[in-house]
Amino acid sequence: MYYLLFLIYLIVFCVIINKIPFVKKAGLSSKLTALLFLYRIIGAISIGYISYEFAPESDYWSLHSEGILEHEILKSNPKLFLKSLFPLNNDFHVNDFHVNDFFSTTNSFWNELRNNIIIKLLAAFNFISFGNYYINALFINIFAFLGSVGLYRTLLHIYKERNNLLIFCCFLIPTTIYFSAGVHKDAIVFGALGLYSFALYFIVEEGFSYKKLVLLLTNFLILMLMRNFLLLALIPATIGFLLLKKYAISNTKILISFLVVGLAFFITAENCFPNLHPLKIITQRKTDFDNLKTANSQLDRFELKPILSSFLKNSPTALNHGFLRPYICETKNIFSFLLSLELLLFEALILIAVYFYYKNRNIQKQHFHRFLFYMLLISGIMIVTTGFIVPNYNSIARYRSLFLPYLITPILMRVYLIQKSKNKIEN
């Protein structure tokens, strides 16, 4: 019964996706759009099945189970269902959850809220999904797919051409699709980041509109609630992009400007926002992760203090963990091996891209668009901070996967454009 129902929903969703104006403006054919959405759903089925078989206690199925319980509460007591989201009544133990600890991961209302939002959504979806995990995944992945479309439309506006490499980077990176397709907050974060970036880009490049502002603020709010830690990258990247709007400067100066803005934010944020101390936030998160039980993919722990010298001292380790792990030689199962293999392929592509760029840097003089530095800064900050915080390589791969499109697209597309210019010269 559920197989047939899932198939019916999948067909309906493929039709709906092609009817959404936001998706239609991407210029992809109806068939290709449906195939790209189907590819994402294959990822959703894969992560659902694998987590159920090998890690049934994982967040994916725990959230699903909680959603079923909340569905019963929603049917029997809607008032309690809504009130339990917020610490506004005696039934919610305010003393057990600290509302002021916005960035904390322990006994924090905000940390609990992100899971509660997903659970409440699942409870509502269960009215038409009949409590089926995979049908709920269809609903979650519509939003995640819109994030890919938003990023694709943004990059299409920058590069002015449609090509397979751009489609791959936005829609087809295996680990990105796999980890952002589960019934989890990762799917929401991935979708919201793509839509936020789309709105930001077109507000800056084409002018203000209330529709774009609503899209920007809505997705900023989603990111703040679902993964507030991302603000440590999003805020400096956004400020840098806005500041550089009116300046026509060289690529090197743009890069330096973004790095200066990012560093200044990390150093001065505490003075401007007393509750926002990036170094303390990162250190506390690392402590919370270190206190979790040892994982099969555990990495060596290191001491980190909330001072700049400690971060500089441990930055080589963080860079290694964030960008290079897992090594193929340390993987213990086929799953970790595939994660490592994909990472190794991307590392090789990036090295080839850097070599190719410097070898042919005189062929194409076009500026590296400032939005691409926004993408690189977001991905760079998040991957490096993940290297500081997370002590096991499977989790690092999961967190890193959401930002791979923002990291590799500017690099690979740069090589593509140089090669295209080179071919024109030779012909």
Protein backbone atom coordinates (compact mmCIF):
# COMPACT_ATOMS: atom_id res chain seq x y z
CA MET A 1 0.00 0.00 0.00
CA TYR A 2 2.72 2.47 1.02
CA TYR A 3 4.76 1.67 -2.10
CA LEU A 4 1.84 2.60 -4.35
CA LEU A 5 1.05 5.71 -2.30
CA PHE A 6 4.69 6.82 -2.43
CA LEU A 7 4.76 6.35 -6.22
CA ILE A 8 1.57 8.38 -6.65
CA TYR A 9 2.92 11.19 -4.48
CA LEU A 10 6.24 11.14 -6.33
CA ILE A 11 4.53 11.54 -9.72
CA VAL A 12 2.33 14.33 -8.36
CA PHE A 13 5.32 16.12 -6.86
CA CYS A 14 7.28 15.89 -10.13
CA VAL A 15 4.34 17.59 -11.86
CA ILE A 16 4.02 20.23 -9.12
CA ILE A 17 7.74 21.01 -9.22
CA ASN A 18 7.48 21.82 -12.92
CA LYS A 19 4.51 24.13 -12.27
CA ILE A 20 6.30 26.31 -9.69
CA PRO A 21 7.19 29.67 -11.38
CA PHE A 22 10.44 29.92 -9.40
CA VAL A 23 11.56 26.58 -10.87
CA LYS A 24 10.30 27.30 -14.38
CA LYS A 25 12.44 30.48 -14.52
CA ALA A 26 15.56 28.33 -14.21
CA GLY A 27 15.07 27.44 -17.87
CA LEU A 28 15.49 23.70 -17.40
CA SER A 29 13.28 21.37 -19.40
CA SER A 30 10.37 19.69 -17.62
CA LYS A 31 11.96 16.29 -18.13
CA LEU A 32 15.35 17.38 -16.76
CA THR A 33 13.72 19.10 -13.77
CA ALA A 34 11.80 15.93 -12.94
CA LEU A 35 14.96 13.82 -13.29
CA LEU A 36 16.94 16.15 -11.02
CA PHE A 37 14.21 16.00 -8.39
CA LEU A 38 14.04 12.22 -8.77
CA TYR A 39 17.82 12.03 -8.23
CA ARG A 40 17.36 13.89 -4.94
CA ILE A 41 14.58 11.51 -3.92
CA ILE A 42 16.86 8.54 -4.63
CA GLY A 43 19.22 10.17 -2.13
CA ALA A 44 16.34 10.48 0.36
CA ILE A 45 15.45 6.81 -0.03
CA SER A 46 19.10 5.82 0.32
CA ILE A 47 19.78 7.74 3.52
CA GLY A 48 16.45 6.59 4.96
CA TYR A 49 17.12 2.93 4.25
CA ILE A 50 20.80 2.94 5.25
CA SER A 51 20.15 4.80 8.52
CA TYR A 52 17.26 2.45 9.35
CA GLU A 53 19.31 -0.68 8.70
CA PHE A 54 22.60 0.37 10.27
CA ALA A 55 21.77 3.23 12.66
CA PRO A 56 18.08 3.06 13.63
CA GLU A 57 18.80 5.30 16.63
CA SER A 58 19.94 8.13 14.30
CA ASP A 59 18.23 11.51 14.22
CA TYR A 60 16.44 10.68 10.96
CA TRP A 61 14.27 7.95 12.44
CA SER A 62 14.14 9.48 15.93
CA LEU A 63 12.61 12.63 14.47
CA HIS A 64 10.21 10.48 12.47
CA SER A 65 9.09 8.63 15.63
CA GLU A 66 8.69 11.90 17.52
CA GLY A 67 6.63 13.23 14.63
CA ILE A 68 4.20 10.31 14.95
CA LEU A 69 3.79 10.98 18.68
CA GLU A 70 3.26 14.70 18.07
CA HIS A 71 0.73 13.85 15.38
CA GLU A 72 -1.40 12.14 18.02
CA ILE A 73 -1.09 15.17 20.30
CA LEU A 74 -2.05 17.45 17.40
CA LYS A 75 -5.21 15.43 16.82
CA SER A 76 -6.21 15.22 20.48
CA ASN A 77 -4.93 18.50 21.92
CA PRO A 78 -3.94 21.15 19.32
CA LYS A 79 -3.46 23.77 22.03
CA LEU A 80 -0.82 21.68 23.80
CA PHE A 81 0.78 20.91 20.44
CA LEU A 82 1.38 24.61 19.78
CA LYS A 83 2.24 25.62 23.34
CA SER A 84 4.97 23.00 23.64
CA LEU A 85 7.04 24.87 21.04
CA PHE A 86 7.65 27.79 23.38
CA PRO A 87 8.55 28.17 27.08
CA LEU A 88 5.36 30.07 27.86
CA ASN A 89 3.56 27.68 30.19
CA ASN A 90 4.12 25.63 33.29
CA ASP A 91 4.12 22.39 31.33
CA PHE A 92 7.38 23.42 29.69
CA HIS A 93 10.28 23.19 32.12
CA VAL A 94 11.91 26.56 31.55
CA ASN A 95 14.54 25.91 34.21
CA ASP A 96 15.75 22.88 32.28
CA PHE A 97 16.32 24.85 29.08
CA HIS A 98 18.21 28.13 29.05
CA VAL A 99 16.48 30.58 26.71
CA ASN A 100 19.39 33.04 26.81
CA ASP A 101 21.97 30.49 25.59
CA PHE A 102 21.28 31.07 21.93
CA PHE A 103 24.39 29.29 20.62
CA SER A 104 24.62 26.57 23.26
CA THR A 105 24.02 22.92 22.39
CA THR A 106 23.40 21.76 25.97
CA ASN A 107 20.15 22.43 27.85
CA SER A 108 19.33 25.23 25.43
CA PHE A 109 15.81 26.05 24.36
CA TRP A 110 17.10 27.12 20.94
CA ASN A 111 18.93 23.85 20.42
CA GLU A 112 15.73 21.97 21.23
CA LEU A 113 13.64 24.28 19.07
CA ARG A 114 15.35 23.28 15.82
CA ASN A 115 14.35 19.65 16.34
CA ASN A 116 10.90 20.64 17.58
CA ILE A 117 10.25 22.57 14.37
CA ILE A 118 11.03 19.50 12.28
CA ILE A 119 8.91 17.30 14.55
CA LYS A 120 5.94 19.66 14.34
CA LEU A 121 6.23 19.77 10.55
CA LEU A 122 6.29 15.98 10.39
CA ALA A 123 3.26 15.81 12.66
CA ALA A 124 1.35 18.00 10.19
CA PHE A 125 2.63 16.07 7.15
CA ASN A 126 1.44 12.82 8.73
CA PHE A 127 -2.16 13.77 8.00
CA ILE A 128 -1.53 13.13 4.30
CA SER A 129 1.52 10.86 4.47
CA PHE A 130 -0.11 8.45 6.94
CA GLY A 131 3.07 8.45 9.01
CA ASN A 132 5.32 7.14 6.23
CA TYR A 133 8.94 8.30 6.46
CA TYR A 134 9.62 8.28 2.73
CA ILE A 135 6.50 10.26 1.83
CA ASN A 136 7.45 12.85 4.43
CA ALA A 137 10.86 12.98 2.76
CA LEU A 138 9.15 14.14 -0.44
CA PHE A 139 7.77 17.20 1.35
CA ILE A 140 11.09 18.06 2.96
CA ASN A 141 12.95 17.67 -0.32
CA ILE A 142 10.75 20.05 -2.26
CA PHE A 143 12.19 22.84 -0.12
CA ALA A 144 15.75 21.50 -0.42
CA PHE A 145 15.30 21.26 -4.20
CA LEU A 146 14.21 24.91 -4.33
CA GLY A 147 17.51 25.76 -2.64
CA SER A 148 19.40 24.06 -5.47
CA VAL A 149 17.28 25.91 -8.02
CA GLY A 150 17.96 29.23 -6.27
CA LEU A 151 21.71 28.63 -6.35
CA TYR A 152 21.55 27.50 -9.99
CA ARG A 153 19.59 30.57 -11.08
CA THR A 154 22.08 32.82 -9.29
CA LEU A 155 25.09 31.21 -10.93
CA LEU A 156 23.33 31.18 -14.29
CA HIS A 157 22.96 34.94 -14.02
CA ILE A 158 26.69 35.27 -13.27
CA TYR A 159 28.02 32.93 -15.95
CA LYS A 160 25.36 33.70 -18.59
CA GLU A 161 25.30 30.15 -19.91
CA ARG A 162 23.74 26.82 -19.13
CA ASN A 163 26.13 23.83 -19.03
CA ASN A 164 26.42 20.38 -17.52
CA LEU A 165 29.14 21.39 -15.06
CA LEU A 166 26.88 24.01 -13.49
CA ILE A 167 24.01 21.52 -13.26
CA PHE A 168 26.31 18.98 -11.62
CA CYS A 169 27.59 21.42 -9.02
CA CYS A 170 24.11 22.64 -8.05
CA PHE A 171 22.09 19.43 -8.27
CA LEU A 172 24.21 16.30 -8.50
CA ILE A 173 27.11 16.24 -6.00
CA PRO A 174 26.55 12.81 -4.39
CA THR A 175 27.32 13.56 -0.73
CA THR A 176 25.51 16.90 -0.87
CA ILE A 177 22.36 15.22 -2.14
CA TYR A 178 22.69 12.27 0.23
CA PHE A 179 23.10 14.28 3.43
CA SER A 180 20.66 17.05 2.50
CA ALA A 181 17.89 14.65 1.47
CA GLY A 182 17.08 13.03 4.81
CA VAL A 183 14.19 13.95 7.09
CA HIS A 184 16.41 16.24 9.07
CA LYS A 185 17.30 19.89 9.57
CA ASP A 186 20.15 19.55 7.02
CA ALA A 187 17.58 19.55 4.21
CA ILE A 188 15.97 22.71 5.56
CA VAL A 189 19.33 24.43 6.05
CA PHE A 190 20.48 23.56 2.54
CA GLY A 191 17.26 24.86 0.99
CA ALA A 192 17.20 28.05 3.07
CA LEU A 193 20.85 28.87 2.30
CA GLY A 194 20.25 28.54 -1.45
CA LEU A 195 17.15 30.74 -1.32
CA TYR A 196 18.82 33.31 0.96
CA SER A 197 21.81 33.52 -1.40
CA PHE A 198 19.48 33.91 -4.39
CA ALA A 199 17.55 36.76 -2.74
CA LEU A 200 20.73 38.50 -1.55
CA TYR A 201 22.35 38.34 -4.98
CA PHE A 202 19.39 39.72 -6.91
CA ILE A 203 18.68 42.47 -4.36
CA VAL A 204 22.26 43.67 -4.73
CA GLU A 205 22.59 43.16 -8.49
CA GLU A 206 19.11 44.07 -9.75
CA GLY A 207 17.64 46.25 -7.02
CA PHE A 208 15.31 46.10 -4.07
CA SER A 209 11.82 44.60 -4.13
CA TYR A 210 9.53 43.62 -1.26
CA LYS A 211 9.20 40.11 -2.66
CA LYS A 212 12.96 39.55 -2.62
CA LEU A 213 13.27 41.15 0.82
CA VAL A 214 10.63 38.82 2.26
CA LEU A 215 12.44 35.86 0.70
CA LEU A 216 15.75 37.05 2.16
CA LEU A 217 14.45 37.69 5.69
CA THR A 218 12.34 34.53 5.80
CA ASN A 219 15.27 32.29 4.93
CA PHE A 220 17.62 34.20 7.23
CA LEU A 221 15.15 33.48 10.04
CA ILE A 222 15.01 29.80 9.05
CA LEU A 223 18.81 29.56 9.10
CA MET A 224 18.98 31.38 12.44
CA LEU A 225 16.49 28.97 14.02
CA MET A 226 17.63 25.75 12.35
CA ARG A 227 21.43 26.23 12.46
CA ASN A 228 22.35 29.45 14.21
CA PHE A 229 26.03 28.51 14.07
CA LEU A 230 25.91 29.24 10.32
CA LEU A 231 25.52 32.94 11.14
CA LEU A 232 29.24 33.03 11.94
CA ALA A 233 29.86 32.59 8.21
CA LEU A 234 26.72 34.15 6.77
CA ILE A 235 27.01 37.55 8.45
CA PRO A 236 30.61 38.41 7.43
CA ALA A 237 30.07 37.00 3.92
CA THR A 238 26.91 39.07 3.48
CA ILE A 239 28.57 42.24 4.83
CA GLY A 240 31.54 41.73 2.54
CA PHE A 241 29.31 41.23 -0.49
CA LEU A 242 27.28 44.37 0.29
CA LEU A 243 30.37 46.52 0.91
CA LEU A 244 31.93 45.52 -2.39
CA LYS A 245 28.83 46.29 -4.46
CA LYS A 246 30.10 49.68 -5.64
CA TYR A 247 33.80 48.92 -5.87
CA ALA A 248 35.43 47.78 -9.10
CA ILE A 249 38.67 46.34 -7.75
CA SER A 250 40.96 43.46 -8.60
CA ASN A 251 40.35 39.85 -7.64
CA THR A 252 43.20 39.94 -5.13
CA LYS A 253 41.81 43.03 -3.41
CA ILE A 254 38.33 41.51 -3.30
CA LEU A 255 39.73 38.36 -1.68
CA ILE A 256 41.75 40.37 0.85
CA SER A 257 38.69 42.52 1.61
CA PHE A 258 36.55 39.47 2.30
CA LEU A 259 39.22 37.93 4.52
CA VAL A 260 39.65 41.20 6.44
CA VAL A 261 35.89 41.53 6.97
CA GLY A 262 35.68 37.93 8.15
CA LEU A 263 38.63 38.28 10.53
CA ALA A 264 37.37 41.63 11.86
CA PHE A 265 33.99 40.07 12.55
CA PHE A 266 35.52 37.23 14.55
CA ILE A 267 37.68 39.63 16.59
CA THR A 268 35.24 42.49 17.23
CA ALA A 269 31.86 40.73 17.34
CA GLU A 270 31.94 40.41 21.14
CA ASN A 271 32.25 44.19 21.55
CA CYS A 272 29.30 44.91 19.24
CA PHE A 273 27.16 41.95 20.33
CA PRO A 274 27.94 40.81 23.91
CA ASN A 275 26.31 37.40 23.41
CA LEU A 276 28.10 36.81 20.11
CA HIS A 277 31.70 35.78 20.76
CA PRO A 278 32.68 33.54 17.81
CA LEU A 279 35.78 32.06 19.45
CA LYS A 280 33.88 31.16 22.63
CA ILE A 281 30.99 29.74 20.61
CA ILE A 282 33.32 27.52 18.59
CA THR A 283 35.21 26.41 21.71
CA GLN A 284 32.01 25.54 23.56
CA ARG A 285 30.70 23.58 20.58
CA LYS A 286 33.95 21.64 20.42
CA THR A 287 33.62 20.80 24.12
CA ASP A 288 30.04 19.60 23.60
CA PHE A 289 31.11 17.35 20.72
CA ASP A 290 34.10 16.02 22.69
CA ASN A 291 31.74 15.00 25.49
CA LEU A 292 29.74 12.75 23.17
CA LYS A 293 30.50 9.05 23.09
CA THR A 294 33.43 7.93 20.97
CA ALA A 295 32.50 7.24 17.34
CA ASN A 296 33.87 4.56 15.03
CA SER A 297 35.28 7.34 12.86
CA GLN A 298 36.86 9.18 15.80
CA LEU A 299 39.75 11.59 15.20
CA ASP A 300 42.40 12.62 17.70
CA ARG A 301 41.14 15.34 20.03
CA PHE A 302 43.06 18.54 20.71
CA GLU A 303 42.76 21.32 23.27
CA LEU A 304 41.21 24.56 22.05
CA LYS A 305 40.93 27.78 24.06
CA PRO A 306 38.80 30.84 23.16
CA ILE A 307 41.81 32.99 22.29
CA LEU A 308 43.23 33.81 18.88
CA SER A 309 46.65 32.25 19.58
CA SER A 310 45.05 28.87 20.37
CA PHE A 311 43.06 29.00 17.15
CA LEU A 312 46.14 29.87 15.13
CA LYS A 313 48.09 27.06 16.78
CA ASN A 314 45.40 24.48 15.98
CA SER A 315 44.45 25.83 12.54
CA PRO A 316 46.61 23.29 10.62
CA THR A 317 44.75 20.47 12.38
CA ALA A 318 41.38 22.12 11.71
CA LEU A 319 42.25 22.60 8.03
CA ASN A 320 43.32 18.98 7.79
CA HIS A 321 40.16 17.69 9.46
CA GLY A 322 37.80 20.00 7.58
CA PHE A 323 39.17 19.72 4.07
CA LEU A 324 41.08 16.43 3.91
CA ARG A 325 39.44 13.82 6.15
CA PRO A 326 38.68 11.04 5.86
CA TYR A 327 41.80 9.63 4.22
CA ILE A 328 41.15 6.51 2.19
CA CYS A 329 43.69 4.58 4.29
CA GLU A 330 41.76 5.23 7.53
CA THR A 331 38.26 4.29 6.35
CA LYS A 332 36.74 1.23 8.01
CA ASN A 333 33.73 0.44 5.83
CA ILE A 334 32.37 0.95 2.33
CA PHE A 335 30.38 4.01 3.37
CA SER A 336 33.43 5.87 4.71
CA PHE A 337 35.45 4.69 1.71
CA LEU A 338 32.96 6.28 -0.70
CA LEU A 339 33.02 9.53 1.29
CA SER A 340 36.80 9.54 1.09
CA LEU A 341 36.84 8.65 -2.60
CA GLU A 342 34.54 11.55 -3.53
CA LEU A 343 36.63 13.92 -1.43
CA LEU A 344 39.82 12.69 -3.07
CA LEU A 345 38.35 13.29 -6.52
CA PHE A 346 37.37 16.84 -5.60
CA GLU A 347 40.81 17.51 -4.12
CA ALA A 348 42.40 16.32 -7.36
CA LEU A 349 40.05 18.50 -9.41
CA ILE A 350 40.82 21.56 -7.30
CA LEU A 351 44.59 21.01 -7.59
CA ILE A 352 44.25 20.58 -11.35
CA ALA A 353 42.08 23.71 -11.48
CA VAL A 354 44.65 25.78 -9.57
CA TYR A 355 47.49 24.55 -11.80
CA PHE A 356 45.44 25.13 -14.94
CA TYR A 357 44.48 28.64 -13.82
CA TYR A 358 48.05 29.79 -13.19
CA LYS A 359 49.28 28.18 -16.38
CA ASN A 360 46.63 29.97 -18.47
CA ARG A 361 45.91 33.02 -16.29
CA ASN A 362 46.71 35.46 -19.12
CA ILE A 363 44.05 34.01 -21.43
CA GLN A 364 41.02 35.34 -19.58
CA LYS A 365 41.08 38.64 -17.71
CA GLN A 366 37.50 38.62 -16.47
CA HIS A 367 37.06 39.54 -12.79
CA PHE A 368 36.13 36.86 -10.31
CA HIS A 369 32.61 37.99 -9.42
CA ARG A 370 32.29 39.25 -5.84
CA PHE A 371 29.41 36.82 -5.20
CA LEU A 372 31.77 33.94 -5.84
CA PHE A 373 33.94 35.22 -2.99
CA TYR A 374 30.78 35.28 -0.86
CA MET A 375 30.33 31.59 -1.70
CA LEU A 376 33.96 30.76 -0.97
CA LEU A 377 33.93 32.63 2.34
CA ILE A 378 30.79 30.85 3.56
CA SER A 379 32.10 27.43 2.58
CA GLY A 380 35.61 28.16 3.85
CA ILE A 381 34.51 29.41 7.28
CA MET A 382 32.04 26.58 7.78
CA ILE A 383 34.42 23.83 6.71
CA VAL A 384 37.30 25.17 8.82
CA THR A 385 35.12 25.66 11.91
CA THR A 386 33.76 22.15 11.41
CA GLY A 387 37.38 21.00 11.47
CA PHE A 388 37.86 22.79 14.80
CA ILE A 389 34.67 21.43 16.35
CA VAL A 390 33.78 17.95 15.09
CA PRO A 391 36.00 15.05 16.26
CA ASN A 392 34.92 12.32 13.81
CA TYR A 393 35.29 12.24 10.05
CA ASN A 394 31.86 10.84 9.14
CA SER A 395 30.17 13.78 10.83
CA ILE A 396 32.67 16.17 9.24
CA ALA A 397 31.72 14.78 5.82
CA ARG A 398 28.05 15.35 6.60
CA TYR A 399 28.48 18.98 7.68
CA ARG A 400 30.93 19.73 4.85
CA SER A 401 28.63 18.27 2.19
CA LEU A 402 26.12 21.13 2.49
CA PHE A 403 28.78 23.63 1.43
CA LEU A 404 30.53 21.72 -1.35
CA PRO A 405 28.52 23.48 -4.11
CA TYR A 406 29.65 26.82 -2.67
CA LEU A 407 33.29 25.69 -2.61
CA ILE A 408 33.87 23.84 -5.85
CA THR A 409 31.57 25.67 -8.29
CA PRO A 410 33.60 28.92 -8.48
CA ILE A 411 36.83 26.97 -8.89
CA LEU A 412 35.68 24.50 -11.55
CA MET A 413 33.68 27.05 -13.50
CA ARG A 414 36.71 29.34 -13.61
CA VAL A 415 38.69 26.58 -15.31
CA TYR A 416 35.79 25.91 -17.68
CA LEU A 417 35.70 29.56 -18.80
CA ILE A 418 39.46 29.69 -19.30
CA GLN A 419 39.36 26.52 -21.38
CA LYS A 420 36.49 27.96 -23.42
CA SER A 421 38.45 31.15 -24.09
CA LYS A 422 41.53 29.10 -24.96
CA ASN A 423 39.57 27.07 -27.52
CA LYS A 424 38.27 30.26 -29.15
CA ILE A 425 41.80 31.62 -29.47
CA GLU A 426 43.10 28.38 -30.98
CA ASN A 427 40.22 28.24 -33.47
